[in-house]
Amino acid sequence: MDEKQKIFDEFMEEFLKLNINQKQNELVEKLKSILAYLTIYAQNNNIQFTPLKSREINDLEKQPPTDEDYLEAMMVYMQNIEELIGLIIQYMNI
């Protein structure tokens, strides 16, 4: 087994131990990271991108956020990621 797979397997073992709220937080943070990486790439390549905004993101600030709040926020992040990937693909002429 290669090192990358081993590290991922260990990560997943730990992820599975988390409660549902912790898992939701991990997923939202992962989506935010992906969006940030793609945004940096876009900026470095002069790709014009304006993130879509939604109040659903702010719902995660209320205590405690509901499962629906997490799903709605994840949809906002995924929609932005999808749009930005489309712009990057267009830029790359793929």
Protein backbone atom coordinates (compact mmCIF):
# COMPACT_ATOMS: atom_id res chain seq x y z
CA MET A 1 0.00 0.00 0.00
CA ASP A 2 1.40 3.37 -0.90
CA GLU A 3 1.92 6.06 1.71
CA LYS A 4 -0.86 8.31 0.43
CA GLN A 5 -3.43 5.52 0.74
CA LYS A 6 -2.18 4.63 4.22
CA ILE A 7 -2.55 8.24 5.41
CA PHE A 8 -6.04 8.44 3.90
CA ASP A 9 -7.08 5.18 5.56
CA GLU A 10 -5.90 6.49 8.93
CA PHE A 11 -7.77 9.74 8.33
CA MET A 12 -10.96 7.84 7.53
CA GLU A 13 -10.60 5.70 10.66
CA GLU A 14 -10.53 8.89 12.72
CA PHE A 15 -13.31 10.51 10.71
CA LEU A 16 -15.61 7.56 11.36
CA LYS A 17 -15.18 8.08 15.11
CA LEU A 18 -16.58 11.62 14.97
CA ASN A 19 -20.16 12.43 15.87
CA ILE A 20 -22.48 13.76 13.19
CA ASN A 21 -21.88 17.44 14.00
CA GLN A 22 -18.12 16.98 13.85
CA LYS A 23 -18.46 15.18 10.51
CA GLN A 24 -20.61 17.99 9.16
CA ASN A 25 -18.02 20.54 10.26
CA GLU A 26 -15.26 18.54 8.59
CA LEU A 27 -17.19 18.41 5.32
CA VAL A 28 -17.93 22.14 5.33
CA GLU A 29 -14.28 22.92 6.07
CA LYS A 30 -13.17 20.62 3.24
CA LEU A 31 -15.50 22.40 0.80
CA LYS A 32 -14.20 25.78 1.98
CA SER A 33 -10.62 24.61 1.40
CA ILE A 34 -11.37 23.36 -2.11
CA LEU A 35 -13.08 26.64 -2.96
CA ALA A 36 -10.13 28.60 -1.57
CA TYR A 37 -7.59 26.59 -3.65
CA LEU A 38 -9.64 27.06 -6.81
CA THR A 39 -10.09 30.77 -6.08
CA ILE A 40 -6.34 31.23 -5.71
CA TYR A 41 -5.79 29.43 -9.02
CA ALA A 42 -8.38 31.65 -10.68
CA GLN A 43 -6.83 34.82 -9.29
CA ASN A 44 -3.34 33.75 -10.37
CA ASN A 45 -4.65 33.22 -13.90
CA ASN A 46 -6.83 36.33 -14.12
CA ILE A 47 -10.04 34.30 -14.22
CA GLN A 48 -12.91 36.52 -13.18
CA PHE A 49 -14.99 34.86 -10.48
CA THR A 50 -17.49 36.39 -8.10
CA PRO A 51 -18.67 33.92 -5.46
CA LEU A 52 -22.38 33.40 -5.14
CA LYS A 53 -23.61 34.52 -1.75
CA SER A 54 -26.39 33.11 0.36
CA ARG A 55 -27.59 33.68 3.90
CA GLU A 56 -27.54 29.90 4.33
CA ILE A 57 -23.83 30.15 5.11
CA ASN A 58 -24.60 32.36 8.12
CA ASP A 59 -27.01 29.75 9.48
CA LEU A 60 -23.99 27.74 10.59
CA GLU A 61 -23.28 30.48 13.13
CA LYS A 62 -26.46 29.83 15.09
CA GLN A 63 -26.20 27.42 17.97
CA PRO A 64 -26.70 24.65 17.36
CA PRO A 65 -26.88 24.52 13.56
CA THR A 66 -29.31 21.92 12.25
CA ASP A 67 -28.57 19.14 9.78
CA GLU A 68 -30.52 21.17 7.23
CA ASP A 69 -28.32 24.21 7.90
CA TYR A 70 -25.25 22.12 7.10
CA LEU A 71 -26.77 20.68 3.92
CA GLU A 72 -27.83 24.12 2.71
CA ALA A 73 -24.40 25.63 3.39
CA MET A 74 -22.71 22.71 1.65
CA MET A 75 -24.93 23.30 -1.40
CA VAL A 76 -23.81 26.95 -1.55
CA TYR A 77 -20.13 25.95 -1.40
CA MET A 78 -20.62 23.17 -3.98
CA GLN A 79 -22.44 25.52 -6.34
CA ASN A 80 -19.53 27.97 -6.14
CA ILE A 81 -17.02 25.16 -6.68
CA GLU A 82 -18.97 23.88 -9.69
CA GLU A 83 -19.13 27.33 -11.25
CA LEU A 84 -15.45 28.00 -10.65
CA ILE A 85 -14.39 24.64 -12.09
CA GLY A 86 -16.45 25.50 -15.18
CA LEU A 87 -14.62 28.82 -15.54
CA ILE A 88 -11.24 27.11 -15.08
CA ILE A 89 -12.09 24.48 -17.71
CA GLN A 90 -13.20 27.22 -20.07
CA TYR A 91 -9.91 29.07 -19.42
CA MET A 92 -7.93 25.89 -20.12
CA ASN A 93 -9.88 25.24 -23.36
CA ILE A 94 -10.66 21.68 -22.36
